Amino acid sequence: MEHIAALLLVVSCSPDLSGCREIPAPTPLFEVFEDCQAELPQAIRTLAPKHPRLFAKCLEVDPALEDDYDQLTWNVLPNGTLEAKLSVSEVITASGTPDTSAHAH
């Protein structure tokens, strides 16, 4: 299986940026981050006619975590900047007794 090095995120917004949603990228996954960066302008050109307010960003994928990523969070700021990140949820394990071994007195 090939490793994923980058994910192309594309977001379409209303003219006033009050409503934004993810839209499918022509090519969403890349084995090399630089390939994603090179594809980004073409993806915008392809999608722009149907989506006048379009934002796109390449997100680096850590190959060691590619199967663990389960959260993609993004936000379009009022100045038109797209912020985005991939992350791994913290797994919380239930325990009957609190762990007090880490407390120093």
C-alpha atoms as a PDB file:
ATOM      1  CA  MET A   1       0.000   0.000   0.000  1.00  0.00           C
ATOM      2  CA  GLU A   2       1.227   3.483  -0.845  1.00  0.00           C
ATOM      3  CA  HIS A   3       1.660   6.043   1.883  1.00  0.00           C
ATOM      4  CA  ILE A   4      -0.324   9.250   1.939  1.00  0.00           C
ATOM      5  CA  ALA A   5       1.811  12.356   2.447  1.00  0.00           C
ATOM      6  CA  ALA A   6      -0.784  15.060   1.826  1.00  0.00           C
ATOM      7  CA  LEU A   7      -4.503  15.737   1.726  1.00  0.00           C
ATOM      8  CA  LEU A   8      -6.028  18.484  -0.412  1.00  0.00           C
ATOM      9  CA  LEU A   9      -8.851  20.207   1.454  1.00  0.00           C
ATOM     10  CA  VAL A  10     -11.231  22.366  -0.583  1.00  0.00           C
ATOM     11  CA  VAL A  11     -13.872  24.572   1.047  1.00  0.00           C
ATOM     12  CA  SER A  12     -16.609  26.523  -0.719  1.00  0.00           C
ATOM     13  CA  CYS A  13     -18.193  29.516   1.025  1.00  0.00           C
ATOM     14  CA  SER A  14     -21.065  31.908   0.507  1.00  0.00           C
ATOM     15  CA  PRO A  15     -20.051  35.408  -0.707  1.00  0.00           C
ATOM     16  CA  ASP A  16     -20.077  36.804   2.849  1.00  0.00           C
ATOM     17  CA  LEU A  17     -18.327  33.707   4.304  1.00  0.00           C
ATOM     18  CA  SER A  18     -21.334  33.027   6.562  1.00  0.00           C
ATOM     19  CA  GLY A  19     -21.750  29.474   5.270  1.00  0.00           C
ATOM     20  CA  CYS A  20     -18.885  27.199   4.266  1.00  0.00           C
ATOM     21  CA  ARG A  21     -18.679  23.508   3.443  1.00  0.00           C
ATOM     22  CA  GLU A  22     -16.117  20.994   2.288  1.00  0.00           C
ATOM     23  CA  ILE A  23     -16.330  19.986  -1.343  1.00  0.00           C
ATOM     24  CA  PRO A  24     -14.578  17.054  -3.017  1.00  0.00           C
ATOM     25  CA  ALA A  25     -11.171  17.835  -4.464  1.00  0.00           C
ATOM     26  CA  PRO A  26     -10.447  16.514  -7.976  1.00  0.00           C
ATOM     27  CA  THR A  27      -7.496  14.612  -6.478  1.00  0.00           C
ATOM     28  CA  PRO A  28      -7.758  14.541  -2.674  1.00  0.00           C
ATOM     29  CA  LEU A  29      -4.763  12.375  -1.666  1.00  0.00           C
ATOM     30  CA  PHE A  30      -1.094  12.587  -2.605  1.00  0.00           C
ATOM     31  CA  GLU A  31       1.978  10.482  -1.933  1.00  0.00           C
ATOM     32  CA  VAL A  32       4.209  13.590  -1.987  1.00  0.00           C
ATOM     33  CA  PHE A  33       3.322  16.916  -0.319  1.00  0.00           C
ATOM     34  CA  GLU A  34       4.892  18.876  -3.189  1.00  0.00           C
ATOM     35  CA  ASP A  35       2.557  17.116  -5.651  1.00  0.00           C
ATOM     36  CA  CYS A  36      -0.383  18.409  -3.646  1.00  0.00           C
ATOM     37  CA  GLN A  37       1.023  21.944  -3.733  1.00  0.00           C
ATOM     38  CA  ALA A  38       1.521  21.655  -7.496  1.00  0.00           C
ATOM     39  CA  GLU A  39      -2.067  20.405  -8.021  1.00  0.00           C
ATOM     40  CA  LEU A  40      -3.675  23.076  -5.822  1.00  0.00           C
ATOM     41  CA  PRO A  41      -3.882  25.886  -8.457  1.00  0.00           C
ATOM     42  CA  GLN A  42      -5.377  23.488 -11.031  1.00  0.00           C
ATOM     43  CA  ALA A  43      -7.963  22.256  -8.515  1.00  0.00           C
ATOM     44  CA  ILE A  44      -8.999  25.853  -7.823  1.00  0.00           C
ATOM     45  CA  ARG A  45      -9.259  26.610 -11.571  1.00  0.00           C
ATOM     46  CA  THR A  46     -11.383  23.489 -12.094  1.00  0.00           C
ATOM     47  CA  LEU A  47     -13.787  24.184  -9.218  1.00  0.00           C
ATOM     48  CA  ALA A  48     -13.939  28.008  -9.261  1.00  0.00           C
ATOM     49  CA  PRO A  49     -16.652  28.364 -11.948  1.00  0.00           C
ATOM     50  CA  LYS A  50     -19.198  26.599  -9.689  1.00  0.00           C
ATOM     51  CA  HIS A  51     -17.816  27.930  -6.391  1.00  0.00           C
ATOM     52  CA  PRO A  52     -16.984  31.675  -6.483  1.00  0.00           C
ATOM     53  CA  ARG A  53     -15.612  31.789  -2.897  1.00  0.00           C
ATOM     54  CA  LEU A  54     -13.200  28.882  -2.853  1.00  0.00           C
ATOM     55  CA  PHE A  55     -10.406  28.066  -0.427  1.00  0.00           C
ATOM     56  CA  ALA A  56      -7.945  25.204  -0.683  1.00  0.00           C
ATOM     57  CA  LYS A  57      -5.046  23.979   1.378  1.00  0.00           C
ATOM     58  CA  CYS A  58      -2.659  21.034   1.369  1.00  0.00           C
ATOM     59  CA  LEU A  59      -2.337  19.331   4.732  1.00  0.00           C
ATOM     60  CA  GLU A  60       0.725  17.283   5.527  1.00  0.00           C
ATOM     61  CA  VAL A  61       0.009  13.714   6.601  1.00  0.00           C
ATOM     62  CA  ASP A  62       2.418  11.930   8.917  1.00  0.00           C
ATOM     63  CA  PRO A  63       2.805   8.453   7.337  1.00  0.00           C
ATOM     64  CA  ALA A  64       3.178   6.927  10.808  1.00  0.00           C
ATOM     65  CA  LEU A  65      -0.284   8.235  11.717  1.00  0.00           C
ATOM     66  CA  GLU A  66      -2.105   8.008   8.376  1.00  0.00           C
ATOM     67  CA  ASP A  67      -4.408   5.224   9.608  1.00  0.00           C
ATOM     68  CA  ASP A  68      -5.007   6.954  12.958  1.00  0.00           C
ATOM     69  CA  TYR A  69      -6.163  10.379  11.776  1.00  0.00           C
ATOM     70  CA  ASP A  70      -9.844  10.698  12.529  1.00  0.00           C
ATOM     71  CA  GLN A  71     -10.412  14.428  12.808  1.00  0.00           C
ATOM     72  CA  LEU A  72     -10.176  17.130  10.193  1.00  0.00           C
ATOM     73  CA  THR A  73     -10.930  20.543  11.620  1.00  0.00           C
ATOM     74  CA  TRP A  74     -11.063  23.701   9.574  1.00  0.00           C
ATOM     75  CA  ASN A  75     -12.224  27.282   9.783  1.00  0.00           C
ATOM     76  CA  VAL A  76     -12.396  30.152   7.307  1.00  0.00           C
ATOM     77  CA  LEU A  77     -11.420  33.349   9.080  1.00  0.00           C
ATOM     78  CA  PRO A  78     -13.106  36.693   8.334  1.00  0.00           C
ATOM     79  CA  ASN A  79      -9.991  37.770   6.396  1.00  0.00           C
ATOM     80  CA  GLY A  80     -10.423  34.796   4.032  1.00  0.00           C
ATOM     81  CA  THR A  81      -7.678  32.607   5.474  1.00  0.00           C
ATOM     82  CA  LEU A  82      -8.373  28.869   5.603  1.00  0.00           C
ATOM     83  CA  GLU A  83      -7.002  27.241   8.744  1.00  0.00           C
ATOM     84  CA  ALA A  84      -7.054  23.457   8.882  1.00  0.00           C
ATOM     85  CA  LYS A  85      -5.430  20.531  10.631  1.00  0.00           C
ATOM     86  CA  LEU A  86      -5.576  16.772  10.820  1.00  0.00           C
ATOM     87  CA  SER A  87      -5.471  15.198  14.235  1.00  0.00           C
ATOM     88  CA  VAL A  88      -5.879  11.980  16.143  1.00  0.00           C
ATOM     89  CA  SER A  89      -8.542  11.858  18.830  1.00  0.00           C
ATOM     90  CA  GLU A  90      -7.273  11.158  22.275  1.00  0.00           C
ATOM     91  CA  VAL A  91      -8.596   7.848  23.438  1.00  0.00           C
ATOM     92  CA  ILE A  92     -10.044   8.078  26.899  1.00  0.00           C
ATOM     93  CA  THR A  93     -10.132   4.845  28.827  1.00  0.00           C
ATOM     94  CA  ALA A  94     -12.575   4.349  31.625  1.00  0.00           C
ATOM     95  CA  SER A  95     -11.202   3.266  34.964  1.00  0.00           C
ATOM     96  CA  GLY A  96     -12.934   2.365  38.198  1.00  0.00           C
ATOM     97  CA  THR A  97     -10.372   4.169  40.348  1.00  0.00           C
ATOM     98  CA  PRO A  98      -8.519   7.403  39.654  1.00  0.00           C
ATOM     99  CA  ASP A  99      -4.841   7.088  38.911  1.00  0.00           C
ATOM    100  CA  THR A 100      -3.056   8.914  41.695  1.00  0.00           C
ATOM    101  CA  SER A 101       0.427   7.615  40.934  1.00  0.00           C
ATOM    102  CA  ALA A 102       1.344  10.737  38.964  1.00  0.00           C
ATOM    103  CA  HIS A 103       0.592  13.142  41.818  1.00  0.00           C
ATOM    104  CA  ALA A 104       3.590  14.460  43.703  1.00  0.00           C
ATOM    105  CA  HIS A 105       3.156  15.642  47.316  1.00  0.00           C
END
